[in-house]
């Protein structure tokens, strides 16, 4: 009987879980099988910690199982040790995934605005494109991020104009 693929469980907000499902695909048990061809996959794999005993890990609200790629150089390490990601490394992973998500989101909005679409149309299509559950909370979160980015852009333009006035 073949052994189960090595995996770790981390806490990740549902919207970011949906983003990972979009980037890697969803397994039958609601997990994600990452690969090292993707930046996120490389980063997650670099955060793995090994132990000779089972780790004590408290999972809170939104756990997700991440299956790791098995390669020639790591198959003994991953199958013969207890693997996990400590809480402080999970924070790094969450921030990295969130930053990647925001970059994709920003690209989507910039392209949408260049094509003349409204914010509402862009938000709905973004949620659809990334298969993010379309509910008011997610809709508002995406819309709020766009609002903050546009506000920052306006402030940068204002500062540039003010600086040129005093030159």
C-alpha atoms as a PDB file:
ATOM      1  CA  UNK A   1       0.000   0.000   0.000  1.00  0.00           C
ATOM      2  CA  UNK A   2       1.385   3.391  -0.994  1.00  0.00           C
ATOM      3  CA  UNK A   3       1.934   5.879   1.787  1.00  0.00           C
ATOM      4  CA  UNK A   4      -0.087   9.086   1.869  1.00  0.00           C
ATOM      5  CA  UNK A   5       1.526  12.130   0.286  1.00  0.00           C
ATOM      6  CA  UNK A   6       3.318  14.348   2.811  1.00  0.00           C
ATOM      7  CA  UNK A   7       1.250  17.314   3.901  1.00  0.00           C
ATOM      8  CA  UNK A   8       1.057  20.160   6.371  1.00  0.00           C
ATOM      9  CA  UNK A   9      -1.917  22.063   7.720  1.00  0.00           C
ATOM     10  CA  UNK A  10      -1.907  25.837   8.055  1.00  0.00           C
ATOM     11  CA  UNK A  11      -4.438  28.522   8.919  1.00  0.00           C
ATOM     12  CA  UNK A  12      -5.502  30.625   5.937  1.00  0.00           C
ATOM     13  CA  UNK A  13      -8.469  32.942   5.394  1.00  0.00           C
ATOM     14  CA  UNK A  14     -11.166  31.521   3.093  1.00  0.00           C
ATOM     15  CA  UNK A  15     -10.553  34.118   0.368  1.00  0.00           C
ATOM     16  CA  UNK A  16      -6.855  33.211   0.271  1.00  0.00           C
ATOM     17  CA  UNK A  17      -7.766  29.510   0.288  1.00  0.00           C
ATOM     18  CA  UNK A  18      -9.884  30.149  -2.807  1.00  0.00           C
ATOM     19  CA  UNK A  19      -6.914  31.945  -4.358  1.00  0.00           C
ATOM     20  CA  UNK A  20      -4.696  28.902  -3.713  1.00  0.00           C
ATOM     21  CA  UNK A  21      -7.372  26.633  -5.217  1.00  0.00           C
ATOM     22  CA  UNK A  22      -7.310  28.836  -8.313  1.00  0.00           C
ATOM     23  CA  UNK A  23      -3.523  28.782  -8.565  1.00  0.00           C
ATOM     24  CA  UNK A  24      -2.982  25.062  -7.828  1.00  0.00           C
ATOM     25  CA  UNK A  25      -6.337  23.304  -8.051  1.00  0.00           C
ATOM     26  CA  UNK A  26      -8.331  21.667  -5.287  1.00  0.00           C
ATOM     27  CA  UNK A  27      -7.905  18.078  -4.141  1.00  0.00           C
ATOM     28  CA  UNK A  28     -10.883  15.891  -3.283  1.00  0.00           C
ATOM     29  CA  UNK A  29     -10.425  16.569   0.445  1.00  0.00           C
ATOM     30  CA  UNK A  30     -10.414  20.382   0.059  1.00  0.00           C
ATOM     31  CA  UNK A  31      -6.603  20.476   0.155  1.00  0.00           C
ATOM     32  CA  UNK A  32      -4.068  21.895  -2.251  1.00  0.00           C
ATOM     33  CA  UNK A  33      -1.223  20.090  -3.960  1.00  0.00           C
ATOM     34  CA  UNK A  34       1.534  22.672  -4.428  1.00  0.00           C
ATOM     35  CA  UNK A  35       4.388  22.487  -6.888  1.00  0.00           C
ATOM     36  CA  UNK A  36       7.787  24.124  -7.001  1.00  0.00           C
ATOM     37  CA  UNK A  37       7.219  25.723 -10.387  1.00  0.00           C
ATOM     38  CA  UNK A  38       5.102  28.374  -8.683  1.00  0.00           C
ATOM     39  CA  UNK A  39       6.591  31.043  -6.394  1.00  0.00           C
ATOM     40  CA  UNK A  40       4.037  30.328  -3.675  1.00  0.00           C
ATOM     41  CA  UNK A  41       4.848  26.622  -3.791  1.00  0.00           C
ATOM     42  CA  UNK A  42       8.568  27.314  -3.454  1.00  0.00           C
ATOM     43  CA  UNK A  43       7.953  29.657  -0.533  1.00  0.00           C
ATOM     44  CA  UNK A  44       5.699  27.226   1.334  1.00  0.00           C
ATOM     45  CA  UNK A  45       8.138  24.377   0.844  1.00  0.00           C
ATOM     46  CA  UNK A  46      10.960  26.556   2.216  1.00  0.00           C
ATOM     47  CA  UNK A  47       8.976  27.058   5.437  1.00  0.00           C
ATOM     48  CA  UNK A  48       8.706  23.344   6.302  1.00  0.00           C
ATOM     49  CA  UNK A  49      10.117  22.340   9.671  1.00  0.00           C
ATOM     50  CA  UNK A  50      11.137  18.785  10.534  1.00  0.00           C
ATOM     51  CA  UNK A  51      10.745  17.089  13.885  1.00  0.00           C
ATOM     52  CA  UNK A  52      11.448  13.660  15.289  1.00  0.00           C
ATOM     53  CA  UNK A  53       8.155  13.751  17.231  1.00  0.00           C
ATOM     54  CA  UNK A  54       4.661  14.794  16.319  1.00  0.00           C
ATOM     55  CA  UNK A  55       4.262  18.577  16.567  1.00  0.00           C
ATOM     56  CA  UNK A  56       1.637  20.131  18.799  1.00  0.00           C
ATOM     57  CA  UNK A  57      -0.297  22.448  16.568  1.00  0.00           C
ATOM     58  CA  UNK A  58      -3.473  24.278  17.424  1.00  0.00           C
ATOM     59  CA  UNK A  59      -5.702  24.935  14.461  1.00  0.00           C
ATOM     60  CA  UNK A  60      -8.251  27.678  14.776  1.00  0.00           C
ATOM     61  CA  UNK A  61     -10.889  28.695  12.280  1.00  0.00           C
ATOM     62  CA  UNK A  62      -9.706  28.116   8.719  1.00  0.00           C
ATOM     63  CA  UNK A  63      -7.280  25.196   8.333  1.00  0.00           C
ATOM     64  CA  UNK A  64      -6.162  24.051   4.907  1.00  0.00           C
ATOM     65  CA  UNK A  65      -4.137  20.937   4.077  1.00  0.00           C
ATOM     66  CA  UNK A  66      -1.221  21.538   1.731  1.00  0.00           C
ATOM     67  CA  UNK A  67       0.289  18.518   0.002  1.00  0.00           C
ATOM     68  CA  UNK A  68       3.988  18.827  -0.706  1.00  0.00           C
ATOM     69  CA  UNK A  69       5.759  17.741  -3.866  1.00  0.00           C
ATOM     70  CA  UNK A  70       7.886  14.656  -3.463  1.00  0.00           C
ATOM     71  CA  UNK A  71      11.146  14.784  -5.371  1.00  0.00           C
ATOM     72  CA  UNK A  72      14.173  12.560  -5.559  1.00  0.00           C
ATOM     73  CA  UNK A  73      16.168  14.620  -3.069  1.00  0.00           C
ATOM     74  CA  UNK A  74      13.432  15.018  -0.433  1.00  0.00           C
ATOM     75  CA  UNK A  75      11.288  11.879  -0.483  1.00  0.00           C
ATOM     76  CA  UNK A  76      13.092  10.235   2.472  1.00  0.00           C
ATOM     77  CA  UNK A  77      13.117  13.453   4.499  1.00  0.00           C
ATOM     78  CA  UNK A  78       9.401  14.094   4.013  1.00  0.00           C
ATOM     79  CA  UNK A  79       8.275  10.511   4.577  1.00  0.00           C
ATOM     80  CA  UNK A  80      10.454   9.635   7.555  1.00  0.00           C
ATOM     81  CA  UNK A  81      10.071  12.761   9.711  1.00  0.00           C
ATOM     82  CA  UNK A  82       7.207  14.712  11.163  1.00  0.00           C
ATOM     83  CA  UNK A  83       6.754  17.851   9.124  1.00  0.00           C
ATOM     84  CA  UNK A  84       4.889  20.994  10.075  1.00  0.00           C
ATOM     85  CA  UNK A  85       4.968  24.757   9.772  1.00  0.00           C
ATOM     86  CA  UNK A  86       5.257  26.657  13.066  1.00  0.00           C
ATOM     87  CA  UNK A  87       2.909  29.568  13.711  1.00  0.00           C
ATOM     88  CA  UNK A  88       5.475  32.286  13.076  1.00  0.00           C
ATOM     89  CA  UNK A  89       6.338  30.773   9.681  1.00  0.00           C
ATOM     90  CA  UNK A  90       2.624  30.477   8.902  1.00  0.00           C
ATOM     91  CA  UNK A  91       2.418  34.246   9.388  1.00  0.00           C
ATOM     92  CA  UNK A  92       5.112  34.681   6.725  1.00  0.00           C
ATOM     93  CA  UNK A  93       3.226  32.364   4.370  1.00  0.00           C
ATOM     94  CA  UNK A  94      -0.054  34.206   4.925  1.00  0.00           C
ATOM     95  CA  UNK A  95       1.615  37.554   4.209  1.00  0.00           C
ATOM     96  CA  UNK A  96       3.319  36.191   1.091  1.00  0.00           C
ATOM     97  CA  UNK A  97       0.104  34.667  -0.276  1.00  0.00           C
ATOM     98  CA  UNK A  98      -1.799  37.848   0.550  1.00  0.00           C
ATOM     99  CA  UNK A  99       0.804  39.987  -1.252  1.00  0.00           C
ATOM    100  CA  UNK A 100       0.637  37.714  -4.302  1.00  0.00           C
ATOM    101  CA  UNK A 101      -3.160  37.884  -4.198  1.00  0.00           C
ATOM    102  CA  UNK A 102      -3.096  41.690  -4.027  1.00  0.00           C
ATOM    103  CA  UNK A 103      -0.725  41.887  -6.991  1.00  0.00           C
ATOM    104  CA  UNK A 104      -3.108  39.772  -9.075  1.00  0.00           C
ATOM    105  CA  UNK A 105      -6.003  41.867  -7.849  1.00  0.00           C
ATOM    106  CA  UNK A 106      -4.268  45.114  -8.756  1.00  0.00           C
ATOM    107  CA  UNK A 107      -3.375  43.841 -12.246  1.00  0.00           C
ATOM    108  CA  UNK A 108      -6.996  42.830 -12.741  1.00  0.00           C
ATOM    109  CA  UNK A 109      -8.296  46.261 -11.721  1.00  0.00           C
ATOM    110  CA  UNK A 110      -5.761  48.213 -13.776  1.00  0.00           C
ATOM    111  CA  UNK A 111      -6.627  46.178 -16.871  1.00  0.00           C
ATOM    112  CA  UNK A 112     -10.360  46.483 -16.175  1.00  0.00           C
ATOM    113  CA  UNK A 113     -10.210  50.250 -15.777  1.00  0.00           C
ATOM    114  CA  UNK A 114      -8.079  50.574 -18.940  1.00  0.00           C
ATOM    115  CA  UNK A 115     -10.810  48.702 -20.820  1.00  0.00           C
ATOM    116  CA  UNK A 116     -13.462  51.066 -19.412  1.00  0.00           C
ATOM    117  CA  UNK A 117     -15.303  48.683 -17.094  1.00  0.00           C
ATOM    118  CA  UNK A 118     -16.990  49.870 -13.898  1.00  0.00           C
ATOM    119  CA  UNK A 119     -15.706  48.960 -10.468  1.00  0.00           C
ATOM    120  CA  UNK A 120     -18.758  46.769  -9.816  1.00  0.00           C
ATOM    121  CA  UNK A 121     -18.192  44.801 -13.031  1.00  0.00           C
ATOM    122  CA  UNK A 122     -14.489  44.377 -12.250  1.00  0.00           C
ATOM    123  CA  UNK A 123     -15.129  43.213  -8.668  1.00  0.00           C
ATOM    124  CA  UNK A 124     -17.723  40.656  -9.777  1.00  0.00           C
ATOM    125  CA  UNK A 125     -15.530  39.358 -12.586  1.00  0.00           C
ATOM    126  CA  UNK A 126     -12.510  39.140 -10.265  1.00  0.00           C
ATOM    127  CA  UNK A 127     -14.499  37.064  -7.765  1.00  0.00           C
ATOM    128  CA  UNK A 128     -15.682  34.861 -10.632  1.00  0.00           C
ATOM    129  CA  UNK A 129     -12.242  34.526 -12.239  1.00  0.00           C
ATOM    130  CA  UNK A 130     -10.586  33.436  -9.007  1.00  0.00           C
ATOM    131  CA  UNK A 131     -13.579  31.322  -7.962  1.00  0.00           C
ATOM    132  CA  UNK A 132     -13.911  33.257  -4.719  1.00  0.00           C
ATOM    133  CA  UNK A 133     -17.232  32.732  -3.013  1.00  0.00           C
ATOM    134  CA  UNK A 134     -19.390  35.674  -4.023  1.00  0.00           C
ATOM    135  CA  UNK A 135     -20.770  37.012  -0.779  1.00  0.00           C
ATOM    136  CA  UNK A 136     -21.027  40.541   0.587  1.00  0.00           C
ATOM    137  CA  UNK A 137     -17.956  40.139   2.814  1.00  0.00           C
ATOM    138  CA  UNK A 138     -15.657  39.108  -0.064  1.00  0.00           C
ATOM    139  CA  UNK A 139     -17.226  41.655  -2.414  1.00  0.00           C
ATOM    140  CA  UNK A 140     -16.617  44.453   0.080  1.00  0.00           C
ATOM    141  CA  UNK A 141     -13.050  43.287   0.817  1.00  0.00           C
ATOM    142  CA  UNK A 142     -12.086  43.344  -2.872  1.00  0.00           C
ATOM    143  CA  UNK A 143     -13.826  46.685  -3.403  1.00  0.00           C
ATOM    144  CA  UNK A 144     -12.139  48.171  -0.319  1.00  0.00           C
ATOM    145  CA  UNK A 145      -8.697  47.093  -1.544  1.00  0.00           C
ATOM    146  CA  UNK A 146      -9.333  48.812  -4.879  1.00  0.00           C
ATOM    147  CA  UNK A 147     -10.521  51.935  -3.073  1.00  0.00           C
ATOM    148  CA  UNK A 148      -7.349  52.077  -0.967  1.00  0.00           C
ATOM    149  CA  UNK A 149      -5.103  51.592  -4.022  1.00  0.00           C
ATOM    150  CA  UNK A 150      -6.900  54.333  -5.938  1.00  0.00           C
ATOM    151  CA  UNK A 151      -6.741  56.639  -2.924  1.00  0.00           C
ATOM    152  CA  UNK A 152      -2.966  56.092  -2.661  1.00  0.00           C
ATOM    153  CA  UNK A 153      -2.580  56.848  -6.354  1.00  0.00           C
ATOM    154  CA  UNK A 154      -4.490  60.120  -5.958  1.00  0.00           C
ATOM    155  CA  UNK A 155      -2.273  61.070  -3.002  1.00  0.00           C
ATOM    156  CA  UNK A 156       0.877  60.312  -5.006  1.00  0.00           C
ATOM    157  CA  UNK A 157      -0.376  62.478  -7.882  1.00  0.00           C
ATOM    158  CA  UNK A 158      -1.205  65.283  -5.440  1.00  0.00           C
ATOM    159  CA  UNK A 159       2.285  65.109  -3.902  1.00  0.00           C
ATOM    160  CA  UNK A 160       3.933  65.106  -7.333  1.00  0.00           C
ATOM    161  CA  UNK A 161       1.951  68.166  -8.393  1.00  0.00           C
ATOM    162  CA  UNK A 162       2.691  69.982  -5.144  1.00  0.00           C
ATOM    163  CA  UNK A 163       6.404  69.205  -5.439  1.00  0.00           C
ATOM    164  CA  UNK A 164       6.493  70.536  -8.998  1.00  0.00           C
ATOM    165  CA  UNK A 165       4.781  73.753  -7.871  1.00  0.00           C
ATOM    166  CA  UNK A 166       7.625  74.484  -5.465  1.00  0.00           C
ATOM    167  CA  UNK A 167      10.422  73.684  -7.913  1.00  0.00           C
END
